[in-house]
Amino acid sequence: MIKPLTPQFRSDILESLNKQLEELNSCENNSYVVLQKNAINKFKKLIKSLPDGYPIPVERRNGR
């Protein structure tokens, strides 16, 4: 399924990424955790830079 990037959808994505960062901040800062934090921060920059209406592929997860 493809959804257009709306301000609300962008906000939902960024909120989800921030929650992941919060969880990682409670972990020991080993190389794996640092790598994940860097990747999430880069992804946040990407999502913030995309124009409204940009097509984003999404898939529904079961159990969430």
N, C-alpha and C. Protein backbone atom coordinates (compact mmCIF):
# COMPACT_ATOMS: atom_id res chain seq x y z
N MET A 1 0.85 -1.16 0.00
CA MET A 1 0.00 0.00 0.00
C MET A 1 0.91 1.24 0.00
N ILE A 2 0.52 2.24 -0.74
CA ILE A 2 1.25 3.50 -0.81
C ILE A 2 0.36 4.60 -0.22
N LYS A 3 0.91 5.40 0.69
CA LYS A 3 0.17 6.53 1.27
C LYS A 3 0.93 7.81 0.97
N PRO A 4 0.22 8.90 0.72
CA PRO A 4 0.90 10.18 0.54
C PRO A 4 1.35 10.71 1.90
N LEU A 5 2.48 11.39 1.91
CA LEU A 5 3.01 11.96 3.14
C LEU A 5 2.25 13.24 3.46
N THR A 6 1.43 13.18 4.49
CA THR A 6 0.68 14.34 4.96
C THR A 6 1.36 14.86 6.23
N PRO A 7 1.06 16.08 6.66
CA PRO A 7 1.65 16.55 7.91
C PRO A 7 1.37 15.62 9.10
N GLN A 8 0.15 15.07 9.17
CA GLN A 8 -0.18 14.16 10.26
C GLN A 8 0.60 12.86 10.16
N PHE A 9 0.72 12.31 8.96
CA PHE A 9 1.47 11.08 8.74
C PHE A 9 2.94 11.30 9.08
N ARG A 10 3.49 12.47 8.68
CA ARG A 10 4.88 12.80 9.01
C ARG A 10 5.06 12.85 10.53
N SER A 11 4.11 13.48 11.20
CA SER A 11 4.16 13.58 12.66
C SER A 11 4.11 12.19 13.31
N ASP A 12 3.26 11.30 12.80
CA ASP A 12 3.16 9.94 13.33
C ASP A 12 4.48 9.18 13.15
N ILE A 13 5.09 9.34 11.99
CA ILE A 13 6.36 8.66 11.71
C ILE A 13 7.44 9.17 12.66
N LEU A 14 7.52 10.50 12.80
CA LEU A 14 8.55 11.08 13.67
C LEU A 14 8.33 10.70 15.13
N GLU A 15 7.08 10.63 15.55
CA GLU A 15 6.77 10.21 16.92
C GLU A 15 7.24 8.77 17.16
N SER A 16 6.98 7.91 16.19
CA SER A 16 7.41 6.51 16.29
C SER A 16 8.94 6.42 16.38
N LEU A 17 9.63 7.20 15.56
CA LEU A 17 11.09 7.19 15.59
C LEU A 17 11.62 7.72 16.92
N ASN A 18 10.97 8.74 17.46
CA ASN A 18 11.39 9.28 18.77
C ASN A 18 11.21 8.25 19.88
N LYS A 19 10.15 7.46 19.80
CA LYS A 19 9.93 6.40 20.80
C LYS A 19 11.04 5.35 20.72
N GLN A 20 11.45 5.02 19.48
CA GLN A 20 12.54 4.06 19.31
C GLN A 20 13.83 4.61 19.89
N LEU A 21 14.07 5.92 19.70
CA LEU A 21 15.27 6.54 20.26
C LEU A 21 15.23 6.52 21.79
N GLU A 22 14.06 6.76 22.37
CA GLU A 22 13.92 6.71 23.83
C GLU A 22 14.29 5.33 24.36
N GLU A 23 13.82 4.29 23.68
CA GLU A 23 14.15 2.93 24.10
C GLU A 23 15.65 2.68 23.99
N LEU A 24 16.25 3.14 22.91
CA LEU A 24 17.69 2.93 22.71
C LEU A 24 18.51 3.71 23.74
N ASN A 25 18.00 4.86 24.17
CA ASN A 25 18.72 5.65 25.17
C ASN A 25 18.80 4.94 26.52
N SER A 26 17.92 3.99 26.75
CA SER A 26 17.95 3.24 28.01
C SER A 26 18.91 2.04 27.93
N CYS A 27 19.48 1.82 26.76
CA CYS A 27 20.39 0.69 26.56
C CYS A 27 21.84 1.12 26.76
N GLU A 28 22.69 0.13 26.96
CA GLU A 28 24.12 0.38 27.01
C GLU A 28 24.58 0.90 25.65
N ASN A 29 25.42 1.91 25.65
CA ASN A 29 25.85 2.55 24.41
C ASN A 29 26.95 1.76 23.72
N ASN A 30 26.61 0.59 23.19
CA ASN A 30 27.60 -0.19 22.44
C ASN A 30 27.52 0.20 20.96
N SER A 31 28.35 -0.39 20.15
CA SER A 31 28.42 0.00 18.74
C SER A 31 27.11 -0.27 18.00
N TYR A 32 26.40 -1.33 18.35
CA TYR A 32 25.13 -1.65 17.70
C TYR A 32 24.08 -0.58 18.01
N VAL A 33 24.01 -0.17 19.27
CA VAL A 33 23.04 0.85 19.69
C VAL A 33 23.36 2.19 19.01
N VAL A 34 24.63 2.55 18.98
CA VAL A 34 25.04 3.80 18.35
C VAL A 34 24.70 3.78 16.86
N LEU A 35 24.92 2.65 16.21
CA LEU A 35 24.58 2.51 14.79
C LEU A 35 23.09 2.71 14.56
N GLN A 36 22.26 2.09 15.40
CA GLN A 36 20.81 2.24 15.27
C GLN A 36 20.38 3.69 15.49
N LYS A 37 20.95 4.34 16.51
CA LYS A 37 20.61 5.75 16.78
C LYS A 37 20.96 6.63 15.59
N ASN A 38 22.14 6.41 15.01
CA ASN A 38 22.54 7.20 13.86
C ASN A 38 21.61 6.98 12.68
N ALA A 39 21.22 5.74 12.45
CA ALA A 39 20.32 5.42 11.34
C ALA A 39 18.95 6.07 11.55
N ILE A 40 18.44 6.02 12.75
CA ILE A 40 17.14 6.63 13.05
C ILE A 40 17.21 8.14 12.86
N ASN A 41 18.29 8.77 13.32
CA ASN A 41 18.42 10.22 13.15
C ASN A 41 18.51 10.61 11.68
N LYS A 42 19.21 9.81 10.87
CA LYS A 42 19.28 10.08 9.43
C LYS A 42 17.90 9.92 8.79
N PHE A 43 17.16 8.90 9.22
CA PHE A 43 15.83 8.67 8.68
C PHE A 43 14.89 9.82 9.06
N LYS A 44 15.03 10.34 10.30
CA LYS A 44 14.23 11.49 10.72
C LYS A 44 14.51 12.69 9.81
N LYS A 45 15.78 12.94 9.50
CA LYS A 45 16.13 14.04 8.60
C LYS A 45 15.50 13.84 7.23
N LEU A 46 15.53 12.61 6.74
CA LEU A 46 14.94 12.31 5.44
C LEU A 46 13.45 12.58 5.45
N ILE A 47 12.74 12.10 6.44
CA ILE A 47 11.28 12.28 6.52
C ILE A 47 10.95 13.77 6.62
N LYS A 48 11.73 14.53 7.38
CA LYS A 48 11.49 15.97 7.51
C LYS A 48 11.72 16.70 6.19
N SER A 49 12.61 16.19 5.34
CA SER A 49 12.95 16.89 4.11
C SER A 49 12.03 16.55 2.93
N LEU A 50 11.25 15.48 3.05
CA LEU A 50 10.37 15.09 1.95
C LEU A 50 9.19 16.05 1.82
N PRO A 51 8.76 16.34 0.60
CA PRO A 51 7.61 17.24 0.42
C PRO A 51 6.30 16.54 0.78
N ASP A 52 5.31 17.33 1.16
CA ASP A 52 3.98 16.78 1.40
C ASP A 52 3.49 16.09 0.13
N GLY A 53 2.80 14.99 0.30
CA GLY A 53 2.26 14.26 -0.84
C GLY A 53 3.21 13.20 -1.38
N TYR A 54 4.45 13.16 -0.87
CA TYR A 54 5.41 12.17 -1.35
C TYR A 54 4.87 10.77 -1.06
N PRO A 55 4.90 9.86 -2.04
CA PRO A 55 4.35 8.51 -1.82
C PRO A 55 5.26 7.67 -0.91
N ILE A 56 4.70 7.18 0.18
CA ILE A 56 5.43 6.37 1.16
C ILE A 56 4.84 4.96 1.17
N PRO A 57 5.67 3.95 0.91
CA PRO A 57 5.16 2.57 1.01
C PRO A 57 4.96 2.20 2.49
N VAL A 58 3.82 1.65 2.80
CA VAL A 58 3.51 1.21 4.17
C VAL A 58 2.94 -0.18 4.13
N GLU A 59 3.13 -0.91 5.21
CA GLU A 59 2.48 -2.21 5.34
C GLU A 59 1.97 -2.35 6.76
N ARG A 60 0.83 -2.94 6.90
CA ARG A 60 0.20 -3.10 8.20
C ARG A 60 0.88 -4.27 8.92
N ARG A 61 1.22 -4.04 10.19
CA ARG A 61 1.79 -5.10 11.01
C ARG A 61 0.69 -5.74 11.84
N ASN A 62 0.71 -7.04 11.94
CA ASN A 62 -0.26 -7.74 12.77
C ASN A 62 0.15 -7.65 14.22
N GLY A 63 -0.82 -7.47 15.10
CA GLY A 63 -0.55 -7.46 16.53
C GLY A 63 -0.11 -6.13 17.08
N ARG A 64 -0.15 -5.07 16.28
CA ARG A 64 0.22 -3.74 16.77
C ARG A 64 -0.84 -2.74 16.49
